[in-house]
Amino acid sequence: MECFYYFLSTGNANWDTGRAVAKELEQAVSKDFLEDFLHGEGYLKSPDLVKRFVDNMPIMKIPAKYTIFKPLKDVNIDKERPQVIVFLANPDQLSALVVLANYGRESNENVIIPFAAGCQNIGIFPYREGQSNHPRAVIGLTDISARENIKKQLDRDLFTFAVPWKMFEEMEGHVEGSFLKKNTWRKLSEPE
């Protein structure tokens, strides 16, 4: 774990254990990964801050053996209850989702962007929000390592917008009468 703290921050090149682990990894990882492992990704200033980051993750037990990702159209709502819905959204779509997330609520802080890995922003953070009385949506794909890894598979302009199920149902119920049926959104969503 300590090597991970150094990996996300200042790197493992300046301490014996880090160098030893790097030597063991040498044949199993890419040259770029080894470079980052030794010299750090620089995502947090120090290993101590990485440790605090890890310690504060909302890690929890889930009441199921497996987590399943599948398209919403393939969910049988009579037999399954999704926990989180994840949208891939370009900047215009992301803007619309943020507006819709706040549309029927008394407050205007119903979307968060926690500093986290890509999988954490579509997994543990929105899952935790789903346990709340007033869940918030979670914007993701702000992890630049994740962005680097998926850039060949997805459009560079995409982010994730993860919503706990009950918030998704709330947002879906607010479509009629909202900005989604008005001229500004219609003009913005037209192809150029």
N, C-alpha and C. Protein backbone atom coordinates (compact mmCIF):
# COMPACT_ATOMS: atom_id res chain seq x y z
N MET A 1 0.83 -1.19 0.00
CA MET A 1 0.00 0.00 0.00
C MET A 1 0.87 1.26 0.00
N GLU A 2 1.95 1.19 0.76
CA GLU A 2 2.81 2.38 0.84
C GLU A 2 3.38 2.76 -0.52
N CYS A 3 3.71 1.74 -1.34
CA CYS A 3 4.19 2.03 -2.70
C CYS A 3 3.12 2.76 -3.50
N PHE A 4 1.85 2.42 -3.28
CA PHE A 4 0.76 3.09 -3.96
C PHE A 4 0.71 4.57 -3.57
N TYR A 5 0.92 4.85 -2.28
CA TYR A 5 0.93 6.24 -1.81
C TYR A 5 2.01 7.04 -2.53
N TYR A 6 3.16 6.42 -2.72
CA TYR A 6 4.26 7.09 -3.43
C TYR A 6 3.96 7.18 -4.93
N PHE A 7 3.38 6.13 -5.48
CA PHE A 7 3.03 6.08 -6.90
C PHE A 7 2.14 7.25 -7.29
N LEU A 8 1.08 7.53 -6.52
CA LEU A 8 0.17 8.63 -6.85
C LEU A 8 0.76 10.01 -6.57
N SER A 9 1.87 10.05 -5.86
CA SER A 9 2.43 11.36 -5.48
C SER A 9 3.84 11.53 -6.03
N THR A 10 4.84 11.31 -5.20
CA THR A 10 6.22 11.68 -5.54
C THR A 10 7.04 10.58 -6.18
N GLY A 11 6.54 9.35 -6.19
CA GLY A 11 7.26 8.25 -6.81
C GLY A 11 8.02 7.39 -5.82
N ASN A 12 8.43 6.24 -6.31
CA ASN A 12 9.08 5.23 -5.47
C ASN A 12 10.59 5.17 -5.65
N ALA A 13 11.16 6.00 -6.48
CA ALA A 13 12.59 5.92 -6.80
C ALA A 13 13.50 6.29 -5.64
N ASN A 14 13.01 7.04 -4.67
CA ASN A 14 13.88 7.55 -3.62
C ASN A 14 13.83 6.77 -2.31
N TRP A 15 13.30 5.56 -2.33
CA TRP A 15 13.35 4.76 -1.11
C TRP A 15 13.54 3.29 -1.49
N ASP A 16 14.23 2.56 -0.62
CA ASP A 16 14.65 1.18 -0.92
C ASP A 16 13.49 0.26 -1.26
N THR A 17 12.43 0.28 -0.47
CA THR A 17 11.30 -0.61 -0.72
C THR A 17 10.69 -0.30 -2.08
N GLY A 18 10.52 0.96 -2.40
CA GLY A 18 9.95 1.36 -3.68
C GLY A 18 10.78 0.88 -4.85
N ARG A 19 12.08 1.04 -4.76
CA ARG A 19 12.98 0.58 -5.83
C ARG A 19 12.92 -0.94 -5.97
N ALA A 20 12.85 -1.65 -4.84
CA ALA A 20 12.78 -3.13 -4.88
C ALA A 20 11.49 -3.60 -5.54
N VAL A 21 10.38 -2.97 -5.21
CA VAL A 21 9.11 -3.35 -5.83
C VAL A 21 9.15 -3.02 -7.32
N ALA A 22 9.71 -1.88 -7.68
CA ALA A 22 9.83 -1.51 -9.10
C ALA A 22 10.63 -2.56 -9.86
N LYS A 23 11.68 -3.06 -9.25
CA LYS A 23 12.52 -4.10 -9.89
C LYS A 23 11.68 -5.36 -10.14
N GLU A 24 10.84 -5.73 -9.17
CA GLU A 24 9.97 -6.90 -9.32
C GLU A 24 8.92 -6.69 -10.42
N LEU A 25 8.48 -5.46 -10.60
CA LEU A 25 7.45 -5.15 -11.59
C LEU A 25 7.99 -5.02 -13.00
N GLU A 26 9.26 -4.79 -13.12
CA GLU A 26 9.90 -4.43 -14.39
C GLU A 26 9.43 -5.25 -15.59
N GLN A 27 9.37 -6.55 -15.47
CA GLN A 27 9.01 -7.42 -16.60
C GLN A 27 7.49 -7.54 -16.80
N ALA A 28 6.71 -7.11 -15.83
CA ALA A 28 5.26 -7.33 -15.89
C ALA A 28 4.45 -6.10 -16.31
N VAL A 29 5.09 -4.94 -16.36
CA VAL A 29 4.35 -3.70 -16.64
C VAL A 29 4.97 -2.96 -17.82
N SER A 30 4.23 -2.00 -18.35
CA SER A 30 4.74 -1.21 -19.46
C SER A 30 5.82 -0.24 -18.98
N LYS A 31 6.58 0.23 -19.93
CA LYS A 31 7.64 1.20 -19.64
C LYS A 31 7.04 2.49 -19.03
N ASP A 32 5.90 2.92 -19.57
CA ASP A 32 5.25 4.13 -19.06
C ASP A 32 4.79 3.94 -17.61
N PHE A 33 4.19 2.78 -17.32
CA PHE A 33 3.75 2.52 -15.95
C PHE A 33 4.93 2.52 -15.00
N LEU A 34 6.01 1.84 -15.40
CA LEU A 34 7.19 1.78 -14.54
C LEU A 34 7.76 3.18 -14.29
N GLU A 35 7.76 3.99 -15.31
CA GLU A 35 8.22 5.39 -15.17
C GLU A 35 7.36 6.12 -14.13
N ASP A 36 6.03 5.98 -14.25
CA ASP A 36 5.14 6.63 -13.28
C ASP A 36 5.32 6.04 -11.88
N PHE A 37 5.49 4.73 -11.80
CA PHE A 37 5.69 4.09 -10.50
C PHE A 37 6.94 4.63 -9.82
N LEU A 38 7.99 4.78 -10.57
CA LEU A 38 9.26 5.25 -9.99
C LEU A 38 9.25 6.74 -9.69
N HIS A 39 8.66 7.54 -10.58
CA HIS A 39 8.76 9.00 -10.43
C HIS A 39 7.45 9.67 -10.02
N GLY A 40 6.40 8.88 -9.89
CA GLY A 40 5.13 9.39 -9.38
C GLY A 40 4.24 9.99 -10.45
N GLU A 41 2.95 9.86 -10.22
CA GLU A 41 1.98 10.48 -11.12
C GLU A 41 1.72 11.94 -10.76
N GLY A 42 2.08 12.34 -9.56
CA GLY A 42 1.91 13.73 -9.16
C GLY A 42 0.46 14.16 -8.98
N TYR A 43 -0.43 13.23 -8.64
CA TYR A 43 -1.83 13.59 -8.45
C TYR A 43 -2.10 14.20 -7.09
N LEU A 44 -1.29 13.87 -6.12
CA LEU A 44 -1.34 14.52 -4.82
C LEU A 44 0.10 14.86 -4.42
N LYS A 45 0.26 15.87 -3.59
CA LYS A 45 1.58 16.43 -3.31
C LYS A 45 2.49 15.49 -2.54
N SER A 46 1.92 14.66 -1.67
CA SER A 46 2.78 13.82 -0.84
C SER A 46 2.14 12.46 -0.59
N PRO A 47 2.95 11.46 -0.24
CA PRO A 47 2.39 10.15 0.12
C PRO A 47 1.41 10.25 1.30
N ASP A 48 1.66 11.15 2.24
CA ASP A 48 0.74 11.32 3.37
C ASP A 48 -0.65 11.77 2.90
N LEU A 49 -0.69 12.68 1.92
CA LEU A 49 -1.99 13.11 1.38
C LEU A 49 -2.69 11.97 0.64
N VAL A 50 -1.92 11.12 -0.04
CA VAL A 50 -2.53 9.97 -0.71
C VAL A 50 -3.12 9.03 0.34
N LYS A 51 -2.39 8.80 1.42
CA LYS A 51 -2.90 7.93 2.48
C LYS A 51 -4.22 8.48 3.03
N ARG A 52 -4.29 9.79 3.27
CA ARG A 52 -5.54 10.41 3.75
C ARG A 52 -6.66 10.24 2.72
N PHE A 53 -6.30 10.42 1.46
CA PHE A 53 -7.26 10.23 0.36
C PHE A 53 -7.84 8.82 0.40
N VAL A 54 -6.98 7.82 0.50
CA VAL A 54 -7.42 6.42 0.54
C VAL A 54 -8.25 6.15 1.80
N ASP A 55 -7.79 6.64 2.94
CA ASP A 55 -8.50 6.42 4.20
C ASP A 55 -9.90 7.04 4.20
N ASN A 56 -10.10 8.09 3.41
CA ASN A 56 -11.39 8.78 3.38
C ASN A 56 -12.32 8.31 2.26
N MET A 57 -11.89 7.32 1.48
CA MET A 57 -12.77 6.77 0.45
C MET A 57 -13.99 6.14 1.13
N PRO A 58 -15.16 6.29 0.54
CA PRO A 58 -16.36 5.70 1.15
C PRO A 58 -16.48 4.20 0.83
N ILE A 59 -15.51 3.44 1.30
CA ILE A 59 -15.52 1.99 1.06
C ILE A 59 -16.61 1.36 1.91
N MET A 60 -17.37 0.46 1.32
CA MET A 60 -18.46 -0.18 2.05
C MET A 60 -18.70 -1.58 1.50
N LYS A 61 -19.32 -2.39 2.30
CA LYS A 61 -19.74 -3.72 1.85
C LYS A 61 -21.05 -3.56 1.09
N ILE A 62 -21.16 -4.28 -0.01
CA ILE A 62 -22.42 -4.29 -0.73
C ILE A 62 -23.09 -5.64 -0.51
N PRO A 63 -24.41 -5.65 -0.47
CA PRO A 63 -25.14 -6.88 -0.13
C PRO A 63 -25.32 -7.83 -1.32
N ALA A 64 -24.30 -7.97 -2.14
CA ALA A 64 -24.40 -8.86 -3.29
C ALA A 64 -23.01 -9.42 -3.59
N LYS A 65 -23.00 -10.57 -4.21
CA LYS A 65 -21.72 -11.19 -4.55
C LYS A 65 -21.07 -10.50 -5.75
N TYR A 66 -21.89 -10.05 -6.71
CA TYR A 66 -21.37 -9.46 -7.94
C TYR A 66 -21.99 -8.09 -8.18
N THR A 67 -21.25 -7.27 -8.90
CA THR A 67 -21.76 -6.02 -9.42
C THR A 67 -21.87 -6.20 -10.93
N ILE A 68 -23.02 -5.88 -11.49
CA ILE A 68 -23.26 -6.09 -12.91
C ILE A 68 -23.47 -4.74 -13.59
N PHE A 69 -22.75 -4.54 -14.68
CA PHE A 69 -22.94 -3.36 -15.52
C PHE A 69 -23.63 -3.83 -16.80
N LYS A 70 -24.73 -3.17 -17.16
CA LYS A 70 -25.37 -3.49 -18.42
C LYS A 70 -26.20 -2.30 -18.88
N PRO A 71 -26.52 -2.26 -20.17
CA PRO A 71 -27.32 -1.14 -20.67
C PRO A 71 -28.69 -1.10 -19.98
N LEU A 72 -29.15 0.10 -19.73
CA LEU A 72 -30.43 0.29 -19.05
C LEU A 72 -31.57 -0.40 -19.81
N LYS A 73 -31.50 -0.41 -21.13
CA LYS A 73 -32.55 -1.04 -21.93
C LYS A 73 -32.63 -2.55 -21.68
N ASP A 74 -31.57 -3.14 -21.14
CA ASP A 74 -31.55 -4.58 -20.86
C ASP A 74 -31.96 -4.92 -19.43
N VAL A 75 -32.31 -3.91 -18.65
CA VAL A 75 -32.73 -4.14 -17.27
C VAL A 75 -34.21 -4.48 -17.24
N ASN A 76 -34.56 -5.59 -16.61
CA ASN A 76 -35.96 -5.97 -16.40
C ASN A 76 -36.38 -5.37 -15.06
N ILE A 77 -37.04 -4.23 -15.12
CA ILE A 77 -37.37 -3.46 -13.92
C ILE A 77 -38.30 -4.23 -12.98
N ASP A 78 -39.00 -5.24 -13.49
CA ASP A 78 -39.86 -6.06 -12.63
C ASP A 78 -39.05 -7.05 -11.78
N LYS A 79 -37.84 -7.36 -12.23
CA LYS A 79 -37.02 -8.35 -11.53
C LYS A 79 -35.73 -7.77 -10.95
N GLU A 80 -35.31 -6.63 -11.45
CA GLU A 80 -34.03 -6.06 -11.03
C GLU A 80 -34.22 -4.62 -10.57
N ARG A 81 -33.41 -4.19 -9.63
CA ARG A 81 -33.44 -2.80 -9.19
C ARG A 81 -32.03 -2.25 -9.32
N PRO A 82 -31.80 -1.44 -10.37
CA PRO A 82 -30.46 -0.85 -10.51
C PRO A 82 -30.13 0.02 -9.30
N GLN A 83 -28.88 0.10 -8.98
CA GLN A 83 -28.42 0.96 -7.90
C GLN A 83 -27.96 2.31 -8.43
N VAL A 84 -27.28 2.28 -9.59
CA VAL A 84 -26.70 3.49 -10.17
C VAL A 84 -26.89 3.44 -11.68
N ILE A 85 -27.25 4.57 -12.25
CA ILE A 85 -27.33 4.72 -13.70
C ILE A 85 -26.17 5.63 -14.11
N VAL A 86 -25.40 5.20 -15.10
CA VAL A 86 -24.23 5.96 -15.54
C VAL A 86 -24.45 6.41 -16.98
N PHE A 87 -24.42 7.71 -17.19
CA PHE A 87 -24.51 8.29 -18.53
C PHE A 87 -23.11 8.63 -19.00
N LEU A 88 -22.86 8.47 -20.28
CA LEU A 88 -21.69 9.08 -20.92
C LEU A 88 -22.22 10.33 -21.58
N ALA A 89 -21.61 11.48 -21.28
CA ALA A 89 -22.18 12.74 -21.73
C ALA A 89 -21.10 13.68 -22.26
N ASN A 90 -21.41 14.33 -23.38
CA ASN A 90 -20.53 15.39 -23.88
C ASN A 90 -20.81 16.66 -23.05
N PRO A 91 -20.05 17.73 -23.24
CA PRO A 91 -20.26 18.92 -22.39
C PRO A 91 -21.69 19.48 -22.43
N ASP A 92 -22.34 19.49 -23.59
CA ASP A 92 -23.71 19.99 -23.65
C ASP A 92 -24.66 19.08 -22.89
N GLN A 93 -24.52 17.78 -23.09
CA GLN A 93 -25.36 16.82 -22.38
C GLN A 93 -25.10 16.86 -20.88
N LEU A 94 -23.83 17.00 -20.51
CA LEU A 94 -23.49 17.11 -19.09
C LEU A 94 -24.15 18.33 -18.47
N SER A 95 -24.13 19.44 -19.19
CA SER A 95 -24.79 20.65 -18.71
C SER A 95 -26.27 20.41 -18.49
N ALA A 96 -26.91 19.73 -19.43
CA ALA A 96 -28.34 19.44 -19.30
C ALA A 96 -28.62 18.52 -18.12
N LEU A 97 -27.78 17.52 -17.93
CA LEU A 97 -27.98 16.61 -16.80
C LEU A 97 -27.81 17.33 -15.46
N VAL A 98 -26.87 18.26 -15.39
CA VAL A 98 -26.68 19.04 -14.16
C VAL A 98 -27.92 19.89 -13.89
N VAL A 99 -28.44 20.54 -14.94
CA VAL A 99 -29.65 21.35 -14.77
C VAL A 99 -30.82 20.46 -14.32
N LEU A 100 -30.99 19.32 -14.97
CA LEU A 100 -32.10 18.43 -14.63
C LEU A 100 -31.97 17.87 -13.21
N ALA A 101 -30.74 17.62 -12.78
CA ALA A 101 -30.52 17.12 -11.41
C ALA A 101 -30.95 18.14 -10.36
N ASN A 102 -30.94 19.40 -10.70
CA ASN A 102 -31.31 20.46 -9.77
C ASN A 102 -32.74 20.98 -9.99
N TYR A 103 -33.37 20.58 -11.07
CA TYR A 103 -34.64 21.13 -11.53
C TYR A 103 -35.75 21.14 -10.48
N GLY A 104 -35.96 20.06 -9.77
CA GLY A 104 -37.07 20.00 -8.83
C GLY A 104 -36.65 20.05 -7.37
N ARG A 105 -35.46 20.50 -7.12
CA ARG A 105 -34.95 20.50 -5.75
C ARG A 105 -34.81 21.91 -5.20
N GLU A 106 -34.91 22.01 -3.90
CA GLU A 106 -34.83 23.32 -3.25
C GLU A 106 -33.40 23.85 -3.18
N SER A 107 -32.42 22.97 -3.20
CA SER A 107 -31.02 23.42 -3.16
C SER A 107 -30.42 23.32 -4.55
N ASN A 108 -29.24 23.88 -4.71
CA ASN A 108 -28.59 23.86 -6.02
C ASN A 108 -27.23 23.16 -5.99
N GLU A 109 -27.02 22.28 -5.02
CA GLU A 109 -25.76 21.54 -4.93
C GLU A 109 -26.05 20.03 -4.96
N ASN A 110 -26.65 19.62 -6.06
CA ASN A 110 -27.11 18.24 -6.19
C ASN A 110 -26.24 17.40 -7.10
N VAL A 111 -25.09 17.95 -7.47
CA VAL A 111 -24.12 17.26 -8.30
C VAL A 111 -22.74 17.51 -7.70
N ILE A 112 -21.94 16.45 -7.59
CA ILE A 112 -20.60 16.60 -7.03
C ILE A 112 -19.57 16.07 -8.02
N ILE A 113 -18.34 16.55 -7.88
CA ILE A 113 -17.21 16.05 -8.65
C ILE A 113 -16.09 15.75 -7.66
N PRO A 114 -16.14 14.59 -7.03
CA PRO A 114 -15.07 14.27 -6.09
C PRO A 114 -13.79 13.93 -6.82
N PHE A 115 -12.67 14.25 -6.22
CA PHE A 115 -11.38 13.83 -6.74
C PHE A 115 -11.28 12.34 -6.48
N ALA A 116 -11.27 11.55 -7.55
CA ALA A 116 -11.26 10.10 -7.39
C ALA A 116 -10.90 9.45 -8.72
N ALA A 117 -10.63 8.17 -8.66
CA ALA A 117 -10.38 7.39 -9.87
C ALA A 117 -11.68 7.25 -10.66
N GLY A 118 -11.54 6.95 -11.95
CA GLY A 118 -12.71 6.80 -12.81
C GLY A 118 -13.72 5.80 -12.28
N CYS A 119 -13.23 4.65 -11.81
CA CYS A 119 -14.14 3.61 -11.31
C CYS A 119 -14.81 4.04 -10.01
N GLN A 120 -14.14 4.85 -9.21
CA GLN A 120 -14.74 5.31 -7.96
C GLN A 120 -15.89 6.28 -8.21
N ASN A 121 -15.77 7.08 -9.29
CA ASN A 121 -16.82 8.06 -9.60
C ASN A 121 -18.03 7.45 -10.28
N ILE A 122 -17.93 6.20 -10.74
CA ILE A 122 -19.12 5.53 -11.26
C ILE A 122 -19.55 4.40 -10.33
N GLY A 123 -18.78 4.16 -9.29
CA GLY A 123 -19.06 3.06 -8.39
C GLY A 123 -19.36 3.50 -6.98
N ILE A 124 -18.32 3.62 -6.16
CA ILE A 124 -18.56 3.81 -4.72
C ILE A 124 -19.17 5.16 -4.36
N PHE A 125 -18.82 6.22 -5.06
CA PHE A 125 -19.42 7.51 -4.70
C PHE A 125 -20.91 7.56 -5.01
N PRO A 126 -21.36 7.21 -6.21
CA PRO A 126 -22.81 7.23 -6.44
C PRO A 126 -23.56 6.17 -5.62
N TYR A 127 -22.92 5.04 -5.36
CA TYR A 127 -23.56 4.02 -4.51
C TYR A 127 -23.78 4.59 -3.11
N ARG A 128 -22.78 5.28 -2.58
CA ARG A 128 -22.93 5.91 -1.27
C ARG A 128 -24.04 6.96 -1.31
N GLU A 129 -24.09 7.75 -2.37
CA GLU A 129 -25.13 8.77 -2.50
C GLU A 129 -26.52 8.14 -2.52
N GLY A 130 -26.63 6.94 -3.07
CA GLY A 130 -27.91 6.25 -3.11
C GLY A 130 -28.44 5.89 -1.73
N GLN A 131 -27.57 5.86 -0.73
CA GLN A 131 -27.99 5.55 0.65
C GLN A 131 -28.52 6.81 1.36
N SER A 132 -28.35 7.95 0.75
CA SER A 132 -28.74 9.24 1.35
C SER A 132 -30.22 9.54 1.11
N ASN A 133 -30.81 10.34 1.99
CA ASN A 133 -32.18 10.80 1.78
C ASN A 133 -32.29 11.76 0.60
N HIS A 134 -31.20 12.49 0.34
CA HIS A 134 -31.15 13.46 -0.77
C HIS A 134 -29.90 13.17 -1.59
N PRO A 135 -29.94 12.10 -2.40
CA PRO A 135 -28.74 11.73 -3.15
C PRO A 135 -28.35 12.78 -4.19
N ARG A 136 -27.07 12.80 -4.46
CA ARG A 136 -26.52 13.70 -5.48
C ARG A 136 -25.95 12.88 -6.62
N ALA A 137 -25.88 13.48 -7.78
CA ALA A 137 -25.24 12.86 -8.94
C ALA A 137 -23.74 13.07 -8.83
N VAL A 138 -22.98 12.23 -9.51
CA VAL A 138 -21.52 12.29 -9.44
C VAL A 138 -20.96 12.37 -10.86
N ILE A 139 -20.23 13.46 -11.13
CA ILE A 139 -19.56 13.61 -12.42
C ILE A 139 -18.21 12.90 -12.34
N GLY A 140 -17.90 12.17 -13.40
CA GLY A 140 -16.65 11.42 -13.43
C GLY A 140 -15.95 11.52 -14.77
N LEU A 141 -14.96 10.70 -14.92
CA LEU A 141 -13.98 10.73 -16.01
C LEU A 141 -13.18 12.02 -15.96
N THR A 142 -12.95 12.49 -14.75
CA THR A 142 -12.04 13.61 -14.53
C THR A 142 -10.67 13.08 -14.12
N ASP A 143 -10.55 11.79 -13.94
CA ASP A 143 -9.29 11.12 -13.63
C ASP A 143 -8.48 11.07 -14.93
N ILE A 144 -7.38 11.80 -14.99
CA ILE A 144 -6.65 11.89 -16.26
C ILE A 144 -6.01 10.57 -16.66
N SER A 145 -5.72 9.69 -15.72
CA SER A 145 -5.23 8.36 -16.10
C SER A 145 -6.33 7.58 -16.80
N ALA A 146 -7.54 7.65 -16.29
CA ALA A 146 -8.66 6.97 -16.94
C ALA A 146 -8.90 7.57 -18.32
N ARG A 147 -8.84 8.88 -18.42
CA ARG A 147 -9.05 9.54 -19.71
C ARG A 147 -7.99 9.09 -20.72
N GLU A 148 -6.76 8.98 -20.27
CA GLU A 148 -5.68 8.53 -21.14
C GLU A 148 -5.95 7.09 -21.62
N ASN A 149 -6.42 6.25 -20.72
CA ASN A 149 -6.64 4.85 -21.05
C ASN A 149 -7.84 4.62 -21.96
N ILE A 150 -8.84 5.48 -21.91
CA ILE A 150 -10.04 5.24 -22.72
C ILE A 150 -10.12 6.12 -23.96
N LYS A 151 -9.15 6.97 -24.18
CA LYS A 151 -9.27 7.94 -25.28
C LYS A 151 -9.42 7.29 -26.65
N LYS A 152 -8.94 6.08 -26.81
CA LYS A 152 -9.10 5.39 -28.10
C LYS A 152 -10.47 4.72 -28.21
N GLN A 153 -11.14 4.51 -27.09
CA GLN A 153 -12.43 3.83 -27.09
C GLN A 153 -13.61 4.79 -27.09
N LEU A 154 -13.43 5.95 -26.48
CA LEU A 154 -14.51 6.92 -26.35
C LEU A 154 -14.10 8.27 -26.90
N ASP A 155 -15.08 9.07 -27.21
CA ASP A 155 -14.85 10.44 -27.62
C ASP A 155 -14.14 11.19 -26.50
N ARG A 156 -13.17 11.99 -26.84
CA ARG A 156 -12.39 12.75 -25.84
C ARG A 156 -13.26 13.71 -25.03
N ASP A 157 -14.38 14.11 -25.58
CA ASP A 157 -15.22 15.10 -24.92
C ASP A 157 -16.25 14.50 -23.98
N LEU A 158 -16.13 13.22 -23.64
CA LEU A 158 -17.12 12.59 -22.79
C LEU A 158 -16.71 12.58 -21.32
N PHE A 159 -17.73 12.73 -20.49
CA PHE A 159 -17.60 12.58 -19.04
C PHE A 159 -18.67 11.59 -18.61
N THR A 160 -18.58 11.12 -17.37
CA THR A 160 -19.65 10.29 -16.85
C THR A 160 -20.50 11.13 -15.91
N PHE A 161 -21.74 10.75 -15.82
CA PHE A 161 -22.71 11.37 -14.91
C PHE A 161 -23.44 10.20 -14.28
N ALA A 162 -23.08 9.87 -13.05
CA ALA A 162 -23.64 8.71 -12.36
C ALA A 162 -24.69 9.16 -11.36
N VAL A 163 -25.86 8.53 -11.45
CA VAL A 163 -26.99 8.91 -10.60
C VAL A 163 -27.54 7.71 -9.86
N PRO A 164 -27.72 7.84 -8.56
CA PRO A 164 -28.41 6.76 -7.84
C PRO A 164 -29.81 6.57 -8.42
N TRP A 165 -30.30 5.34 -8.37
CA TRP A 165 -31.58 4.98 -9.00
C TRP A 165 -32.72 5.92 -8.61
N LYS A 166 -32.88 6.20 -7.32
CA LYS A 166 -34.03 7.04 -6.94
C LYS A 166 -33.91 8.46 -7.49
N MET A 167 -32.70 8.94 -7.67
CA MET A 167 -32.51 10.26 -8.27
C MET A 167 -32.78 10.19 -9.78
N PHE A 168 -32.39 9.09 -10.40
CA PHE A 168 -32.69 8.89 -11.82
C PHE A 168 -34.20 8.94 -12.05
N GLU A 169 -34.96 8.24 -11.22
CA GLU A 169 -36.42 8.25 -11.35
C GLU A 169 -36.97 9.66 -11.17
N GLU A 170 -36.41 10.39 -10.20
CA GLU A 170 -36.84 11.77 -9.96
C GLU A 170 -36.57 12.63 -11.21
N MET A 171 -35.37 12.52 -11.75
CA MET A 171 -35.01 13.30 -12.94
C MET A 171 -35.88 12.93 -14.13
N GLU A 172 -36.13 11.66 -14.30
CA GLU A 172 -36.97 11.20 -15.40
C GLU A 172 -38.39 11.79 -15.28
N GLY A 173 -38.87 11.90 -14.06
CA GLY A 173 -40.19 12.47 -13.83
C GLY A 173 -40.26 13.97 -14.07
N HIS A 174 -39.13 14.62 -14.17
CA HIS A 174 -39.09 16.08 -14.37
C HIS A 174 -38.88 16.49 -15.82
N VAL A 175 -38.77 15.55 -16.72
CA VAL A 175 -38.50 15.90 -18.13
C VAL A 175 -39.62 16.75 -18.70
N GLU A 176 -40.87 16.30 -18.55
CA GLU A 176 -42.01 17.06 -19.09
C GLU A 176 -42.09 18.42 -18.41
N GLY A 177 -42.19 19.47 -19.21
CA GLY A 177 -42.31 20.83 -18.70
C GLY A 177 -40.97 21.49 -18.42
N SER A 178 -39.88 20.74 -18.50
CA SER A 178 -38.56 21.29 -18.21
C SER A 178 -37.94 21.93 -19.45
N PHE A 179 -36.76 22.44 -19.28
CA PHE A 179 -35.97 23.05 -20.36
C PHE A 179 -35.75 22.09 -21.52
N LEU A 180 -35.85 20.78 -21.26
CA LEU A 180 -35.62 19.80 -22.34
C LEU A 180 -36.67 19.91 -23.43
N LYS A 181 -37.77 20.58 -23.13
CA LYS A 181 -38.84 20.76 -24.10
C LYS A 181 -38.88 22.20 -24.62
N LYS A 182 -37.84 22.96 -24.34
CA LYS A 182 -37.82 24.39 -24.71
C LYS A 182 -36.82 24.65 -25.83
N ASN A 183 -36.88 25.86 -26.37
CA ASN A 183 -36.07 26.24 -27.54
C ASN A 183 -34.56 26.20 -27.31
N THR A 184 -34.11 26.67 -26.16
CA THR A 184 -32.65 26.74 -25.94
C THR A 184 -32.04 25.35 -26.04
N TRP A 185 -32.64 24.37 -25.37
CA TRP A 185 -32.09 23.01 -25.45
C TRP A 185 -32.23 22.44 -26.87
N ARG A 186 -33.35 22.71 -27.50
CA ARG A 186 -33.56 22.21 -28.86
C ARG A 186 -32.47 22.75 -29.79
N LYS A 187 -32.18 24.05 -29.69
CA LYS A 187 -31.14 24.63 -30.55
C LYS A 187 -29.76 24.10 -30.19
N LEU A 188 -29.48 23.95 -28.92
CA LEU A 188 -28.18 23.47 -28.48
C LEU A 188 -27.95 22.02 -28.90
N SER A 189 -28.99 21.22 -28.93
CA SER A 189 -28.82 19.80 -29.23
C SER A 189 -28.93 19.47 -30.72
N GLU A 190 -29.21 20.48 -31.55
CA GLU A 190 -29.25 20.24 -32.99
C GLU A 190 -27.83 20.02 -33.52
N PRO A 191 -27.67 19.11 -34.47
CA PRO A 191 -26.34 18.92 -35.08
C PRO A 191 -25.91 20.19 -35.82
N GLU A 192 -24.62 20.44 -35.81
CA GLU A 192 -24.11 21.67 -36.48
C GLU A 192 -23.99 21.46 -37.97
